[in-house]
Amino acid sequence: MTTHHGRDTGDEATEQLLRQTLEAYAATVGADAGALSAIRTRVRERTWWHRLRGGNMPLAFTTGTATAVAATVAAVVFSVGSCAPPGTPDPSSSSAGAGTTAPGSPAPGSPTPGGASASATGGGSGTVSANVPIYYQGDIRGVPKLYREYHKLPAGDGGKAARTRAAVTAMLDGRTAYDPDYISTWPASARLRNVKVDGGTVTVDLSGAAVNGYDPPSNKAALQQLIWTATAASDTDALILLLDGKQVDKLWNQFPVRGQLRRGPAVDVLAPVWVIDPQQNAVVKPGPLTIKVAGIVYEATMRVRVRDANGKIVFDQPVTLNAGPPSQGEATVRTPALPAGRYKVEGFYYSPDDSSVQALDAHDFTIG
């Protein structure tokens, strides 16, 4: 005998409440015509990071939770209308050598909308805008590795602590990356409480960061992401991490963090190939294009290509870096003059085993 299990009347009531609440909110929402393209830009394939930041949280639907979810969905819909891609970045060049990175010091000639490349410029109300280094995570064959971008951000008095505060605040939210392939896996609740720089050590105090989803590879990369960002922005050698004003023995019950923390070896932490200049969405003046790259690659040899808006390769050249593994080498190449338009620069290396393309890093940019 087969027993038919009908829907519970409580389930139907909950569903009806949720439906009515969503419809009420939806009726008040206005959409930005440009929101869809912005969302699509942000939601590119990120195959290794599909979990919720802060951990997976199963939800049992009851009448109370249905109302809460409806309010949350409505808040998300309201936020969609204001989505927009990041502004034109202010790219910089300095790359990491043997486990070190120069602080936020853009090289002369880095392309910017106004042609300026100063690391700090005057701002209103006694503040300055500093060009600060920020490290993000990217996927290399399923393993999170670090990439770096430079962002021009308000930085208080422009001092080391203020620059670090600006860089770490942006780093905690991976959505700030210009390149949509770069992310952060710090919990969404993480906030910066304070920064202190004393000699060669920077102390960073975070709140809301004590709990994170269990993902050891990305958790380990997140810790290195903070260490590299904070020490680069503050021009220091070591980091002391505080959670809610106190040192702890382990972060996320995995990594010892009491005392001074230092950068992991570049060969273990950094992505094998970086395209430094131009950054994602940079606008470059017409004429020959200067491309700056860095890498930790076999025989210090990588490849640089440029494609036009139709995907046609308009520049392709092997590049020899100034250092080989385990250090990160760097190089600069210059293309012939390219006509105005939209382009993609690609940096990668060929596998010594099967000549396949490896560690591709690509940025879209505009000439004109």
Protein backbone atom coordinates (compact mmCIF):
# COMPACT_ATOMS: atom_id res chain seq x y z
CA MET A 1 0.00 0.00 0.00
CA THR A 2 1.40 3.37 -0.96
CA THR A 3 0.66 6.31 1.29
CA HIS A 4 0.26 9.70 -0.39
CA HIS A 5 2.06 12.46 1.47
CA GLY A 6 0.31 15.78 0.72
CA ARG A 7 1.75 19.19 1.39
CA ASP A 8 1.43 20.41 4.95
CA THR A 9 -0.89 23.39 5.39
CA GLY A 10 1.86 25.11 7.36
CA ASP A 11 4.19 24.84 4.36
CA GLU A 12 1.53 26.35 2.12
CA ALA A 13 0.99 29.25 4.52
CA THR A 14 4.73 29.90 4.69
CA GLU A 15 5.06 29.82 0.92
CA GLN A 16 2.13 32.20 0.52
CA LEU A 17 3.62 34.63 3.05
CA LEU A 18 6.97 34.57 1.31
CA ARG A 19 5.37 35.09 -2.11
CA GLN A 20 3.25 38.03 -0.91
CA THR A 21 6.19 39.70 0.81
CA LEU A 22 8.42 39.39 -2.25
CA GLU A 23 5.71 40.71 -4.55
CA ALA A 24 5.17 43.71 -2.29
CA TYR A 25 8.86 44.59 -2.34
CA ALA A 26 9.22 43.92 -6.05
CA ALA A 27 6.45 46.38 -6.83
CA THR A 28 8.53 49.19 -5.30
CA VAL A 29 11.83 48.40 -7.01
CA GLY A 30 13.24 50.37 -9.92
CA ALA A 31 16.05 48.83 -11.97
CA ASP A 32 19.11 50.60 -13.32
CA ALA A 33 19.41 49.97 -17.05
CA GLY A 34 23.13 49.37 -16.69
CA ALA A 35 22.90 47.00 -13.77
CA LEU A 36 22.73 43.77 -15.78
CA SER A 37 26.03 44.30 -17.56
CA ALA A 38 27.67 45.23 -14.28
CA ILE A 39 26.37 42.08 -12.63
CA ARG A 40 27.52 39.90 -15.52
CA THR A 41 30.97 41.42 -15.27
CA ARG A 42 31.16 40.57 -11.59
CA VAL A 43 29.69 37.08 -11.87
CA ARG A 44 32.23 35.53 -14.20
CA GLU A 45 33.18 31.91 -13.65
CA ARG A 46 35.01 31.40 -10.38
CA THR A 47 35.14 27.63 -10.26
CA TRP A 48 36.90 27.25 -6.94
CA TRP A 49 34.88 29.63 -4.77
CA HIS A 50 31.21 28.76 -4.76
CA ARG A 51 30.72 28.74 -1.02
CA LEU A 52 29.21 31.60 0.96
CA ARG A 53 31.84 33.82 2.55
CA GLY A 54 31.68 33.12 6.24
CA GLY A 55 30.58 29.50 5.85
CA ASN A 56 27.64 27.48 4.65
CA MET A 57 24.55 28.11 6.77
CA PRO A 58 21.57 25.76 6.24
CA LEU A 59 18.22 27.53 6.57
CA ALA A 60 15.03 25.90 7.81
CA PHE A 61 12.02 27.74 6.42
CA THR A 62 9.43 28.71 8.97
CA THR A 63 6.97 31.56 8.96
CA GLY A 64 9.55 33.75 10.73
CA THR A 65 12.45 32.87 8.45
CA ALA A 66 10.32 33.32 5.36
CA THR A 67 9.71 36.93 6.35
CA ALA A 68 13.43 37.43 7.06
CA VAL A 69 14.44 35.94 3.71
CA ALA A 70 11.92 38.10 1.89
CA ALA A 71 13.38 41.21 3.47
CA THR A 72 16.90 40.08 2.58
CA VAL A 73 16.01 39.38 -1.04
CA ALA A 74 14.34 42.76 -1.31
CA ALA A 75 17.47 44.43 0.06
CA VAL A 76 19.57 42.64 -2.54
CA VAL A 77 17.23 43.73 -5.33
CA PHE A 78 17.46 47.33 -4.16
CA SER A 79 21.26 47.08 -4.21
CA VAL A 80 21.30 45.77 -7.79
CA GLY A 81 20.10 49.07 -9.13
CA SER A 82 23.29 50.77 -7.96
CA CYS A 83 25.78 48.18 -9.26
CA ALA A 84 28.50 49.61 -11.46
CA PRO A 85 31.89 48.42 -12.66
CA PRO A 86 34.92 49.97 -10.96
CA GLY A 87 36.25 53.26 -12.19
CA THR A 88 39.29 53.44 -14.41
CA PRO A 89 42.19 52.14 -12.33
CA ASP A 90 45.45 53.90 -11.69
CA PRO A 91 47.89 51.09 -12.46
CA SER A 92 51.40 50.73 -11.12
CA SER A 93 54.37 48.59 -11.92
CA SER A 94 56.62 47.54 -9.06
CA SER A 95 56.69 43.73 -8.78
CA ALA A 96 57.68 41.33 -6.04
CA GLY A 97 61.19 39.97 -6.10
CA ALA A 98 62.45 37.14 -3.92
CA GLY A 99 59.52 37.21 -1.56
CA THR A 100 59.38 41.00 -1.31
CA THR A 101 57.28 43.73 -2.81
CA ALA A 102 57.97 47.42 -2.96
CA PRO A 103 55.30 49.54 -1.28
CA GLY A 104 52.83 51.61 -3.26
CA SER A 105 55.31 53.28 -5.59
CA PRO A 106 54.08 53.39 -9.19
CA ALA A 107 56.73 53.52 -11.86
CA PRO A 108 57.01 56.63 -13.99
CA GLY A 109 54.85 56.42 -17.08
CA SER A 110 52.19 54.13 -15.70
CA PRO A 111 49.08 54.84 -17.80
CA THR A 112 46.37 56.82 -16.05
CA PRO A 113 43.40 58.76 -17.38
CA GLY A 114 45.16 62.05 -16.72
CA GLY A 115 48.67 60.85 -17.37
CA ALA A 116 49.63 61.29 -13.73
CA SER A 117 51.57 58.58 -11.95
CA ALA A 118 52.23 60.12 -8.53
CA SER A 119 51.67 57.74 -5.63
CA ALA A 120 49.84 60.37 -3.61
CA THR A 121 48.05 63.51 -4.64
CA GLY A 122 46.35 66.20 -2.62
CA GLY A 123 42.68 65.79 -1.76
CA GLY A 124 40.04 67.82 -0.01
CA SER A 125 39.71 68.32 3.76
CA GLY A 126 43.37 67.65 4.44
CA THR A 127 43.34 64.12 3.01
CA VAL A 128 45.41 62.63 0.24
CA SER A 129 44.78 59.95 -2.36
CA ALA A 130 47.41 57.24 -2.18
CA ASN A 131 48.19 54.61 -4.80
CA VAL A 132 48.18 51.53 -2.56
CA PRO A 133 49.01 47.87 -3.30
CA ILE A 134 46.24 45.35 -2.66
CA TYR A 135 46.59 41.59 -2.99
CA TYR A 136 43.71 39.41 -4.14
CA GLN A 137 43.26 35.69 -4.76
CA GLY A 138 42.96 34.06 -8.15
CA ASP A 139 42.66 30.46 -9.30
CA ILE A 140 45.64 28.54 -10.69
CA ARG A 141 44.49 25.02 -11.58
CA GLY A 142 42.23 24.89 -8.54
CA VAL A 143 44.76 26.41 -6.13
CA PRO A 144 44.32 29.99 -4.84
CA LYS A 145 47.33 32.23 -5.52
CA LEU A 146 47.90 35.93 -5.01
CA TYR A 147 47.73 38.72 -7.57
CA ARG A 148 48.32 42.41 -6.95
CA GLU A 149 46.56 45.56 -8.06
CA TYR A 150 47.21 49.21 -7.26
CA HIS A 151 44.22 51.32 -6.26
CA LYS A 152 44.12 55.08 -5.78
CA LEU A 153 42.18 55.52 -2.54
CA PRO A 154 41.57 58.23 0.06
CA ALA A 155 44.29 57.70 2.66
CA GLY A 156 43.93 60.24 5.45
CA ASP A 157 47.24 62.00 6.00
CA GLY A 158 49.03 59.70 3.55
CA GLY A 159 51.17 58.14 6.27
CA LYS A 160 51.99 54.45 6.54
CA ALA A 161 49.12 53.64 8.89
CA ALA A 162 46.61 55.54 6.76
CA ARG A 163 47.76 53.85 3.55
CA THR A 164 47.56 50.46 5.23
CA ARG A 165 44.09 51.23 6.53
CA ALA A 166 42.91 52.06 3.02
CA ALA A 167 44.53 48.98 1.46
CA VAL A 168 43.32 46.45 4.04
CA THR A 169 39.77 47.84 4.05
CA ALA A 170 39.57 47.36 0.28
CA MET A 171 41.26 43.95 0.45
CA LEU A 172 38.73 42.51 2.89
CA ASP A 173 36.02 42.97 0.27
CA GLY A 174 37.12 41.06 -2.84
CA ARG A 175 34.47 42.86 -4.90
CA THR A 176 36.79 45.87 -4.96
CA ALA A 177 39.19 44.15 -7.38
CA TYR A 178 39.32 45.66 -10.87
CA ASP A 179 39.81 42.20 -12.38
CA PRO A 180 36.61 40.15 -11.89
CA ASP A 181 38.71 36.99 -11.64
CA TYR A 182 40.30 38.24 -8.40
CA ILE A 183 38.54 37.75 -5.05
CA SER A 184 38.97 37.74 -1.29
CA THR A 185 37.92 34.86 0.94
CA TRP A 186 37.86 36.78 4.19
CA PRO A 187 34.45 36.48 5.88
CA ALA A 188 31.96 39.10 4.76
CA SER A 189 31.64 40.28 8.36
CA ALA A 190 35.35 41.18 8.64
CA ARG A 191 36.03 44.85 9.37
CA LEU A 192 39.18 46.82 10.11
CA ARG A 193 39.26 48.25 13.64
CA ASN A 194 42.70 49.81 13.77
CA VAL A 195 46.19 49.91 12.25
CA LYS A 196 49.44 50.76 14.00
CA VAL A 197 52.91 50.94 12.45
CA ASP A 198 55.91 50.65 14.75
CA GLY A 199 59.30 50.37 13.06
CA GLY A 200 59.33 47.31 10.83
CA THR A 201 56.06 45.89 12.16
CA VAL A 202 52.46 46.71 11.29
CA THR A 203 49.66 45.74 13.69
CA VAL A 204 46.25 45.12 12.15
CA ASP A 205 43.18 44.77 14.38
CA LEU A 206 40.10 43.14 12.81
CA SER A 207 36.57 42.54 14.02
CA GLY A 208 34.10 40.00 12.67
CA ALA A 209 36.93 37.82 11.37
CA ALA A 210 37.11 35.08 13.99
CA VAL A 211 34.91 32.63 12.04
CA ASN A 212 35.23 31.63 8.39
CA GLY A 213 34.01 28.80 6.17
CA TYR A 214 36.24 25.73 6.31
CA ASP A 215 38.36 25.75 3.16
CA PRO A 216 42.02 25.30 4.13
CA PRO A 217 43.61 26.30 0.78
CA SER A 218 41.66 29.55 0.44
CA ASN A 219 41.88 30.23 4.19
CA LYS A 220 45.67 29.94 4.01
CA ALA A 221 45.74 32.22 0.97
CA ALA A 222 43.52 34.74 2.80
CA LEU A 223 46.01 35.00 5.66
CA GLN A 224 48.89 35.53 3.22
CA GLN A 225 46.71 38.03 1.34
CA LEU A 226 46.48 40.13 4.51
CA ILE A 227 50.18 39.79 5.35
CA TRP A 228 51.34 40.79 1.86
CA THR A 229 48.86 43.67 1.60
CA ALA A 230 49.55 45.16 5.03
CA THR A 231 53.34 44.88 4.84
CA ALA A 232 53.45 46.28 1.30
CA ALA A 233 51.21 49.25 2.12
CA SER A 234 53.13 50.04 5.32
CA ASP A 235 56.63 49.25 3.99
CA THR A 236 57.25 46.84 6.86
CA ASP A 237 58.57 43.31 7.25
CA ALA A 238 56.16 41.75 9.74
CA LEU A 239 52.49 41.76 10.76
CA ILE A 240 50.88 41.35 14.16
CA LEU A 241 47.24 40.28 13.84
CA LEU A 242 44.67 41.17 16.49
CA LEU A 243 41.07 39.98 16.58
CA ASP A 244 38.83 42.36 18.49
CA GLY A 245 41.86 43.94 20.14
CA LYS A 246 43.55 40.71 21.26
CA GLN A 247 46.11 38.28 19.91
CA VAL A 248 44.88 34.73 19.41
CA ASP A 249 46.77 31.46 19.09
CA LYS A 250 45.11 30.28 15.89
CA LEU A 251 43.11 31.87 13.10
CA TRP A 252 40.02 29.86 12.13
CA ASN A 253 41.32 27.00 14.29
CA GLN A 254 43.93 26.29 11.61
CA PHE A 255 46.87 28.70 11.42
CA PRO A 256 49.14 29.86 14.26
CA VAL A 257 49.00 33.66 14.33
CA ARG A 258 50.41 34.68 17.69
CA GLY A 259 53.43 36.96 17.42
CA GLN A 260 54.96 38.37 14.25
CA LEU A 261 53.75 36.99 10.93
CA ARG A 262 55.84 37.20 7.77
CA ARG A 263 55.23 36.65 4.10
CA GLY A 264 55.34 33.15 2.75
CA PRO A 265 57.84 32.44 -0.05
CA ALA A 266 56.85 34.12 -3.30
CA VAL A 267 57.17 30.85 -5.21
CA ASP A 268 54.55 29.27 -2.94
CA VAL A 269 52.18 32.20 -2.51
CA LEU A 270 52.13 34.32 -5.67
CA ALA A 271 50.52 33.45 -8.99
CA PRO A 272 53.12 32.31 -11.56
CA VAL A 273 52.29 35.17 -13.97
CA TRP A 274 51.18 38.74 -13.37
CA VAL A 275 50.17 41.33 -15.93
CA ILE A 276 51.00 44.50 -14.00
CA ASP A 277 50.42 47.18 -16.62
CA PRO A 278 47.93 47.85 -18.04
CA GLN A 279 45.54 46.96 -15.25
CA GLN A 280 41.97 45.82 -15.89
CA ASN A 281 39.90 48.60 -17.51
CA ALA A 282 42.85 50.98 -17.78
CA VAL A 283 42.63 53.76 -20.36
CA VAL A 284 45.93 54.25 -22.20
CA LYS A 285 47.03 57.13 -24.39
CA PRO A 286 47.41 56.39 -28.13
CA GLY A 287 50.84 55.33 -29.33
CA PRO A 288 53.18 52.45 -28.49
CA LEU A 289 51.98 50.47 -25.48
CA THR A 290 54.28 49.66 -22.56
CA ILE A 291 53.40 46.31 -20.97
CA LYS A 292 54.83 45.35 -17.59
CA VAL A 293 54.75 41.76 -16.40
CA ALA A 294 56.15 39.61 -13.63
CA GLY A 295 56.44 35.88 -13.14
CA ILE A 296 57.91 32.87 -11.42
CA VAL A 297 58.27 30.63 -14.45
CA TYR A 298 60.48 27.93 -15.93
CA GLU A 299 63.73 29.36 -17.31
CA ALA A 300 62.39 32.87 -16.55
CA THR A 301 60.61 32.85 -19.92
CA MET A 302 56.99 33.79 -20.52
CA ARG A 303 54.83 35.14 -23.32
CA VAL A 304 52.94 38.40 -23.85
CA ARG A 305 50.10 38.78 -26.34
CA VAL A 306 47.67 41.54 -27.22
CA ARG A 307 44.30 40.88 -28.88
CA ASP A 308 41.97 43.41 -30.45
CA ALA A 309 38.23 43.63 -29.81
CA ASN A 310 37.62 40.83 -32.33
CA GLY A 311 40.08 38.48 -30.63
CA LYS A 312 42.73 38.84 -33.33
CA ILE A 313 46.32 38.70 -32.06
CA VAL A 314 47.99 42.01 -32.88
CA PHE A 315 51.13 41.51 -30.78
CA ASP A 316 52.87 38.32 -29.64
CA GLN A 317 56.34 38.17 -28.15
CA PRO A 318 58.41 35.95 -25.84
CA VAL A 319 59.73 37.72 -22.77
CA THR A 320 62.75 36.96 -20.61
CA LEU A 321 62.33 38.03 -16.99
CA ASN A 322 65.17 39.47 -14.94
CA ALA A 323 65.04 36.62 -12.40
CA GLY A 324 64.09 32.97 -12.35
CA PRO A 325 62.49 30.70 -9.73
CA PRO A 326 62.20 30.83 -6.78
CA SER A 327 62.29 34.63 -7.17
CA GLN A 328 59.68 36.65 -9.03
CA GLY A 329 61.24 38.22 -12.10
CA GLU A 330 59.88 41.13 -14.08
CA ALA A 331 60.12 42.57 -17.57
CA THR A 332 58.83 45.40 -19.73
CA VAL A 333 57.92 45.09 -23.40
CA ARG A 334 56.79 47.77 -25.83
CA THR A 335 54.41 47.25 -28.72
CA PRO A 336 54.20 49.23 -31.95
CA ALA A 337 51.60 51.99 -31.99
CA LEU A 338 48.10 50.52 -31.83
CA PRO A 339 44.95 52.27 -33.11
CA ALA A 340 42.30 53.46 -30.67
CA GLY A 341 39.99 50.72 -29.45
CA ARG A 342 39.39 47.99 -26.91
CA TYR A 343 42.12 45.38 -26.34
CA LYS A 344 43.09 42.45 -24.12
CA VAL A 345 46.64 41.87 -22.89
CA GLU A 346 47.58 38.31 -21.95
CA GLY A 347 50.53 37.02 -19.97
CA PHE A 348 51.27 33.29 -19.69
CA TYR A 349 53.91 30.62 -20.13
CA TYR A 350 54.02 27.44 -22.17
CA SER A 351 54.22 24.16 -20.30
CA PRO A 352 57.62 22.50 -20.81
CA ASP A 353 55.80 19.15 -20.88
CA ASP A 354 53.10 19.63 -23.52
CA SER A 355 53.39 23.28 -24.66
CA SER A 356 49.95 24.11 -23.29
CA VAL A 357 49.17 27.64 -22.11
CA GLN A 358 49.62 27.95 -18.34
CA ALA A 359 48.80 30.57 -15.67
CA LEU A 360 47.06 32.95 -18.08
CA ASP A 361 46.49 36.43 -16.64
CA ALA A 362 44.50 38.76 -18.90
CA HIS A 363 43.33 42.37 -18.62
CA ASP A 364 40.96 44.31 -20.84
CA PHE A 365 41.98 47.90 -21.55
CA THR A 366 41.24 50.77 -23.90
CA ILE A 367 43.50 52.86 -26.13
CA GLY A 368 42.23 56.32 -26.90
